[in-house]
Amino acid sequence: LDEASDLREKLQNNTCYFREKMSQAGFDLKPGVHPIVPVMLYEAPLAQEFAKRLLDEGIYAVGFFFPVVAKGKARIRVQISAAHEQHHLDKAIQAFTEVGKELGVLK
């Protein structure tokens, strides 16, 4: 880490890219600059169904709901990595957007 910062920079770039594109798509994200991106859905059944549909699209993301988080604060937890390439992020964003429209999260 002292000698090279390329992976740290890539992780930061990936995180910023994913957050920006997801926000532009209309998702409610908990604020932050860290690579754990909570996509707020608020309702446990919706988070469970959303995660299932994402998996059907080849995207593994975990739904978090009570008792892991407070009631009414259900979410999908996305973990960004320096190993992701932009096309991976784009595929995930596309899947989120399609599922979000199908489930009425996005207009």
N, C-alpha and C. Protein backbone atom coordinates (compact mmCIF):
# COMPACT_ATOMS: atom_id res chain seq x y z
N LEU A 1 0.82 -1.21 0.00
CA LEU A 1 0.00 0.00 0.00
C LEU A 1 0.85 1.26 0.00
N ASP A 2 2.01 1.19 0.67
CA ASP A 2 2.88 2.35 0.70
C ASP A 2 3.50 2.62 -0.67
N GLU A 3 3.73 1.56 -1.45
CA GLU A 3 4.43 1.70 -2.71
C GLU A 3 3.52 1.92 -3.92
N ALA A 4 2.29 1.44 -3.85
CA ALA A 4 1.39 1.55 -5.00
C ALA A 4 -0.02 1.84 -4.52
N SER A 5 -0.69 2.70 -5.22
CA SER A 5 -2.06 3.06 -4.82
C SER A 5 -3.07 2.74 -5.92
N ASP A 6 -2.64 1.99 -6.93
CA ASP A 6 -3.51 1.76 -8.08
C ASP A 6 -4.79 1.00 -7.71
N LEU A 7 -4.71 0.00 -6.86
CA LEU A 7 -5.93 -0.73 -6.48
C LEU A 7 -6.86 0.13 -5.64
N ARG A 8 -6.29 0.90 -4.73
CA ARG A 8 -7.10 1.81 -3.91
C ARG A 8 -7.80 2.85 -4.79
N GLU A 9 -7.08 3.39 -5.75
CA GLU A 9 -7.67 4.36 -6.67
C GLU A 9 -8.76 3.73 -7.54
N LYS A 10 -8.52 2.51 -7.99
CA LYS A 10 -9.53 1.83 -8.81
C LYS A 10 -10.79 1.57 -7.98
N LEU A 11 -10.62 1.15 -6.74
CA LEU A 11 -11.76 0.92 -5.86
C LEU A 11 -12.54 2.22 -5.66
N GLN A 12 -11.84 3.30 -5.43
CA GLN A 12 -12.51 4.59 -5.25
C GLN A 12 -13.24 5.00 -6.53
N ASN A 13 -12.62 4.83 -7.68
CA ASN A 13 -13.25 5.17 -8.96
C ASN A 13 -14.48 4.30 -9.20
N ASN A 14 -14.35 2.99 -8.94
CA ASN A 14 -15.49 2.09 -9.11
C ASN A 14 -16.65 2.48 -8.20
N THR A 15 -16.33 2.79 -6.95
CA THR A 15 -17.36 3.18 -5.99
C THR A 15 -18.08 4.45 -6.44
N CYS A 16 -17.31 5.46 -6.82
CA CYS A 16 -17.92 6.72 -7.28
C CYS A 16 -18.77 6.50 -8.53
N TYR A 17 -18.27 5.72 -9.45
CA TYR A 17 -19.00 5.44 -10.70
C TYR A 17 -20.33 4.75 -10.39
N PHE A 18 -20.28 3.69 -9.58
CA PHE A 18 -21.49 2.94 -9.26
C PHE A 18 -22.50 3.84 -8.54
N ARG A 19 -22.05 4.57 -7.55
CA ARG A 19 -22.96 5.45 -6.80
C ARG A 19 -23.59 6.51 -7.72
N GLU A 20 -22.79 7.10 -8.58
CA GLU A 20 -23.30 8.14 -9.47
C GLU A 20 -24.35 7.58 -10.43
N LYS A 21 -24.05 6.46 -11.07
CA LYS A 21 -24.99 5.88 -12.03
C LYS A 21 -26.26 5.37 -11.36
N MET A 22 -26.14 4.79 -10.18
CA MET A 22 -27.33 4.31 -9.46
C MET A 22 -28.20 5.48 -9.00
N SER A 23 -27.58 6.55 -8.56
CA SER A 23 -28.35 7.75 -8.17
C SER A 23 -29.05 8.35 -9.38
N GLN A 24 -28.34 8.42 -10.51
CA GLN A 24 -28.94 8.94 -11.74
C GLN A 24 -30.12 8.08 -12.18
N ALA A 25 -30.06 6.79 -11.93
CA ALA A 25 -31.15 5.89 -12.30
C ALA A 25 -32.37 6.10 -11.41
N GLY A 26 -32.16 6.72 -10.25
CA GLY A 26 -33.28 7.02 -9.36
C GLY A 26 -33.30 6.24 -8.06
N PHE A 27 -32.25 5.50 -7.77
CA PHE A 27 -32.20 4.74 -6.53
C PHE A 27 -31.84 5.64 -5.35
N ASP A 28 -32.38 5.28 -4.20
CA ASP A 28 -32.07 5.98 -2.94
C ASP A 28 -30.92 5.23 -2.29
N LEU A 29 -29.76 5.87 -2.24
CA LEU A 29 -28.57 5.27 -1.64
C LEU A 29 -28.25 5.97 -0.33
N LYS A 30 -27.82 5.18 0.67
CA LYS A 30 -27.33 5.81 1.89
C LYS A 30 -26.04 6.54 1.52
N PRO A 31 -25.90 7.77 2.00
CA PRO A 31 -24.71 8.55 1.64
C PRO A 31 -23.42 7.92 2.16
N GLY A 32 -22.34 8.21 1.48
CA GLY A 32 -21.03 7.75 1.90
C GLY A 32 -20.10 7.62 0.72
N VAL A 33 -18.84 7.40 1.02
CA VAL A 33 -17.84 7.25 -0.04
C VAL A 33 -17.15 5.90 0.07
N HIS A 34 -17.71 5.01 0.86
CA HIS A 34 -17.12 3.69 1.06
C HIS A 34 -17.67 2.70 0.04
N PRO A 35 -16.97 1.59 -0.19
CA PRO A 35 -17.38 0.64 -1.23
C PRO A 35 -18.56 -0.26 -0.87
N ILE A 36 -19.12 -0.10 0.31
CA ILE A 36 -20.36 -0.79 0.66
C ILE A 36 -21.48 0.19 0.35
N VAL A 37 -22.32 -0.17 -0.62
CA VAL A 37 -23.35 0.75 -1.10
C VAL A 37 -24.74 0.20 -0.73
N PRO A 38 -25.39 0.80 0.28
CA PRO A 38 -26.74 0.38 0.64
C PRO A 38 -27.78 1.01 -0.30
N VAL A 39 -28.49 0.17 -1.02
CA VAL A 39 -29.57 0.62 -1.89
C VAL A 39 -30.86 0.45 -1.10
N MET A 40 -31.43 1.57 -0.69
CA MET A 40 -32.56 1.55 0.24
C MET A 40 -33.86 1.16 -0.48
N LEU A 41 -34.53 0.15 0.08
CA LEU A 41 -35.81 -0.31 -0.43
C LEU A 41 -36.90 -0.23 0.64
N TYR A 42 -36.51 -0.16 1.90
CA TYR A 42 -37.35 0.09 3.07
C TYR A 42 -38.23 -1.07 3.51
N GLU A 43 -38.73 -1.89 2.61
CA GLU A 43 -39.63 -2.98 2.97
C GLU A 43 -38.93 -4.33 2.80
N ALA A 44 -38.99 -5.18 3.84
CA ALA A 44 -38.31 -6.47 3.82
C ALA A 44 -38.74 -7.36 2.64
N PRO A 45 -40.05 -7.54 2.40
CA PRO A 45 -40.43 -8.40 1.28
C PRO A 45 -39.90 -7.89 -0.07
N LEU A 46 -39.88 -6.58 -0.23
CA LEU A 46 -39.36 -5.99 -1.46
C LEU A 46 -37.86 -6.26 -1.59
N ALA A 47 -37.11 -6.09 -0.51
CA ALA A 47 -35.67 -6.35 -0.55
C ALA A 47 -35.39 -7.82 -0.87
N GLN A 48 -36.20 -8.73 -0.31
CA GLN A 48 -36.02 -10.16 -0.58
C GLN A 48 -36.30 -10.47 -2.05
N GLU A 49 -37.40 -9.95 -2.57
CA GLU A 49 -37.76 -10.20 -3.96
C GLU A 49 -36.74 -9.55 -4.91
N PHE A 50 -36.31 -8.35 -4.57
CA PHE A 50 -35.33 -7.64 -5.39
C PHE A 50 -34.04 -8.46 -5.49
N ALA A 51 -33.55 -8.95 -4.36
CA ALA A 51 -32.31 -9.74 -4.35
C ALA A 51 -32.49 -11.01 -5.18
N LYS A 52 -33.65 -11.65 -5.07
CA LYS A 52 -33.93 -12.87 -5.84
C LYS A 52 -33.90 -12.57 -7.33
N ARG A 53 -34.55 -11.48 -7.73
CA ARG A 53 -34.60 -11.12 -9.15
C ARG A 53 -33.21 -10.75 -9.68
N LEU A 54 -32.42 -10.07 -8.85
CA LEU A 54 -31.06 -9.76 -9.27
C LEU A 54 -30.26 -11.03 -9.51
N LEU A 55 -30.42 -12.01 -8.62
CA LEU A 55 -29.71 -13.28 -8.81
C LEU A 55 -30.13 -13.95 -10.10
N ASP A 56 -31.42 -13.85 -10.44
CA ASP A 56 -31.90 -14.39 -11.72
C ASP A 56 -31.19 -13.72 -12.91
N GLU A 57 -30.75 -12.48 -12.71
CA GLU A 57 -30.04 -11.73 -13.75
C GLU A 57 -28.52 -11.92 -13.66
N GLY A 58 -28.07 -12.77 -12.74
CA GLY A 58 -26.64 -13.03 -12.60
C GLY A 58 -25.91 -12.08 -11.68
N ILE A 59 -26.66 -11.34 -10.87
CA ILE A 59 -26.06 -10.38 -9.95
C ILE A 59 -26.33 -10.86 -8.52
N TYR A 60 -25.26 -11.13 -7.79
CA TYR A 60 -25.41 -11.57 -6.40
C TYR A 60 -25.32 -10.35 -5.50
N ALA A 61 -26.41 -10.04 -4.85
CA ALA A 61 -26.47 -8.95 -3.89
C ALA A 61 -27.37 -9.40 -2.75
N VAL A 62 -27.07 -8.98 -1.55
CA VAL A 62 -27.77 -9.46 -0.37
C VAL A 62 -28.79 -8.45 0.11
N GLY A 63 -30.00 -8.95 0.39
CA GLY A 63 -31.03 -8.13 1.00
C GLY A 63 -30.85 -8.12 2.51
N PHE A 64 -30.88 -6.95 3.11
CA PHE A 64 -30.76 -6.81 4.56
C PHE A 64 -32.07 -6.25 5.08
N PHE A 65 -32.59 -6.85 6.13
CA PHE A 65 -33.85 -6.40 6.72
C PHE A 65 -33.86 -6.81 8.19
N PHE A 66 -34.89 -6.42 8.92
CA PHE A 66 -35.00 -6.69 10.34
C PHE A 66 -34.84 -8.19 10.59
N PRO A 67 -34.02 -8.59 11.56
CA PRO A 67 -33.42 -7.81 12.64
C PRO A 67 -32.00 -7.32 12.35
N VAL A 68 -31.50 -7.51 11.13
CA VAL A 68 -30.15 -7.05 10.81
C VAL A 68 -30.10 -5.52 10.75
N VAL A 69 -31.15 -4.91 10.22
CA VAL A 69 -31.29 -3.45 10.22
C VAL A 69 -32.65 -3.13 10.84
N ALA A 70 -32.87 -1.90 11.19
CA ALA A 70 -34.12 -1.49 11.82
C ALA A 70 -35.31 -1.75 10.90
N LYS A 71 -36.47 -2.01 11.50
CA LYS A 71 -37.69 -2.17 10.70
C LYS A 71 -37.90 -0.92 9.86
N GLY A 72 -38.32 -1.13 8.62
CA GLY A 72 -38.54 -0.02 7.71
C GLY A 72 -37.29 0.51 7.05
N LYS A 73 -36.15 -0.16 7.26
CA LYS A 73 -34.87 0.28 6.67
C LYS A 73 -34.23 -0.81 5.81
N ALA A 74 -35.07 -1.68 5.23
CA ALA A 74 -34.55 -2.78 4.40
C ALA A 74 -33.79 -2.23 3.20
N ARG A 75 -32.84 -3.00 2.76
CA ARG A 75 -31.96 -2.54 1.68
C ARG A 75 -31.30 -3.71 0.98
N ILE A 76 -30.72 -3.43 -0.15
CA ILE A 76 -29.80 -4.34 -0.83
C ILE A 76 -28.41 -3.80 -0.54
N ARG A 77 -27.53 -4.68 -0.10
CA ARG A 77 -26.17 -4.27 0.22
C ARG A 77 -25.27 -4.70 -0.94
N VAL A 78 -24.64 -3.72 -1.56
CA VAL A 78 -23.73 -3.97 -2.68
C VAL A 78 -22.31 -3.72 -2.21
N GLN A 79 -21.42 -4.63 -2.53
CA GLN A 79 -20.01 -4.49 -2.18
C GLN A 79 -19.21 -4.29 -3.46
N ILE A 80 -18.66 -3.11 -3.62
CA ILE A 80 -17.83 -2.79 -4.79
C ILE A 80 -16.40 -3.25 -4.52
N SER A 81 -15.72 -3.68 -5.58
CA SER A 81 -14.36 -4.20 -5.46
C SER A 81 -13.46 -3.57 -6.53
N ALA A 82 -12.17 -3.56 -6.25
CA ALA A 82 -11.20 -3.13 -7.26
C ALA A 82 -11.09 -4.16 -8.37
N ALA A 83 -11.57 -5.37 -8.13
CA ALA A 83 -11.53 -6.40 -9.16
C ALA A 83 -12.63 -6.20 -10.21
N HIS A 84 -13.63 -5.38 -9.90
CA HIS A 84 -14.68 -5.10 -10.88
C HIS A 84 -14.15 -4.22 -11.99
N GLU A 85 -14.56 -4.55 -13.20
CA GLU A 85 -14.29 -3.69 -14.36
C GLU A 85 -15.56 -2.89 -14.63
N GLN A 86 -15.46 -1.84 -15.42
CA GLN A 86 -16.63 -1.00 -15.66
C GLN A 86 -17.79 -1.79 -16.27
N HIS A 87 -17.48 -2.75 -17.14
CA HIS A 87 -18.57 -3.53 -17.74
C HIS A 87 -19.30 -4.37 -16.69
N HIS A 88 -18.60 -4.80 -15.63
CA HIS A 88 -19.27 -5.50 -14.53
C HIS A 88 -20.25 -4.56 -13.82
N LEU A 89 -19.78 -3.36 -13.54
CA LEU A 89 -20.62 -2.37 -12.87
C LEU A 89 -21.81 -2.00 -13.73
N ASP A 90 -21.58 -1.83 -15.04
CA ASP A 90 -22.67 -1.50 -15.95
C ASP A 90 -23.72 -2.60 -15.99
N LYS A 91 -23.26 -3.85 -15.98
CA LYS A 91 -24.21 -4.97 -15.97
C LYS A 91 -25.06 -4.95 -14.70
N ALA A 92 -24.43 -4.69 -13.57
CA ALA A 92 -25.17 -4.62 -12.31
C ALA A 92 -26.15 -3.46 -12.31
N ILE A 93 -25.72 -2.31 -12.78
CA ILE A 93 -26.59 -1.13 -12.83
C ILE A 93 -27.78 -1.40 -13.74
N GLN A 94 -27.53 -2.03 -14.87
CA GLN A 94 -28.62 -2.37 -15.80
C GLN A 94 -29.61 -3.33 -15.13
N ALA A 95 -29.10 -4.35 -14.45
CA ALA A 95 -29.97 -5.31 -13.77
C ALA A 95 -30.78 -4.62 -12.67
N PHE A 96 -30.13 -3.79 -11.88
CA PHE A 96 -30.83 -3.04 -10.83
C PHE A 96 -31.95 -2.20 -11.44
N THR A 97 -31.64 -1.53 -12.54
CA THR A 97 -32.62 -0.66 -13.17
C THR A 97 -33.80 -1.45 -13.72
N GLU A 98 -33.54 -2.55 -14.39
CA GLU A 98 -34.63 -3.37 -14.93
C GLU A 98 -35.51 -3.93 -13.81
N VAL A 99 -34.88 -4.49 -12.78
CA VAL A 99 -35.64 -5.04 -11.67
C VAL A 99 -36.38 -3.93 -10.92
N GLY A 100 -35.72 -2.80 -10.78
CA GLY A 100 -36.35 -1.65 -10.10
C GLY A 100 -37.61 -1.20 -10.81
N LYS A 101 -37.58 -1.21 -12.14
CA LYS A 101 -38.78 -0.83 -12.90
C LYS A 101 -39.85 -1.90 -12.78
N GLU A 102 -39.46 -3.18 -12.88
CA GLU A 102 -40.43 -4.28 -12.78
C GLU A 102 -41.13 -4.27 -11.41
N LEU A 103 -40.42 -3.94 -10.36
CA LEU A 103 -40.98 -3.99 -9.01
C LEU A 103 -41.55 -2.65 -8.55
N GLY A 104 -41.55 -1.65 -9.42
CA GLY A 104 -42.14 -0.36 -9.09
C GLY A 104 -41.29 0.53 -8.20
N VAL A 105 -40.01 0.20 -8.06
CA VAL A 105 -39.11 1.04 -7.28
C VAL A 105 -38.73 2.28 -8.09
N LEU A 106 -38.58 2.08 -9.39
CA LEU A 106 -38.24 3.18 -10.31
C LEU A 106 -39.42 3.40 -11.25
N LYS A 107 -39.53 4.62 -11.71
CA LYS A 107 -40.61 4.95 -12.66
C LYS A 107 -40.12 4.82 -14.08
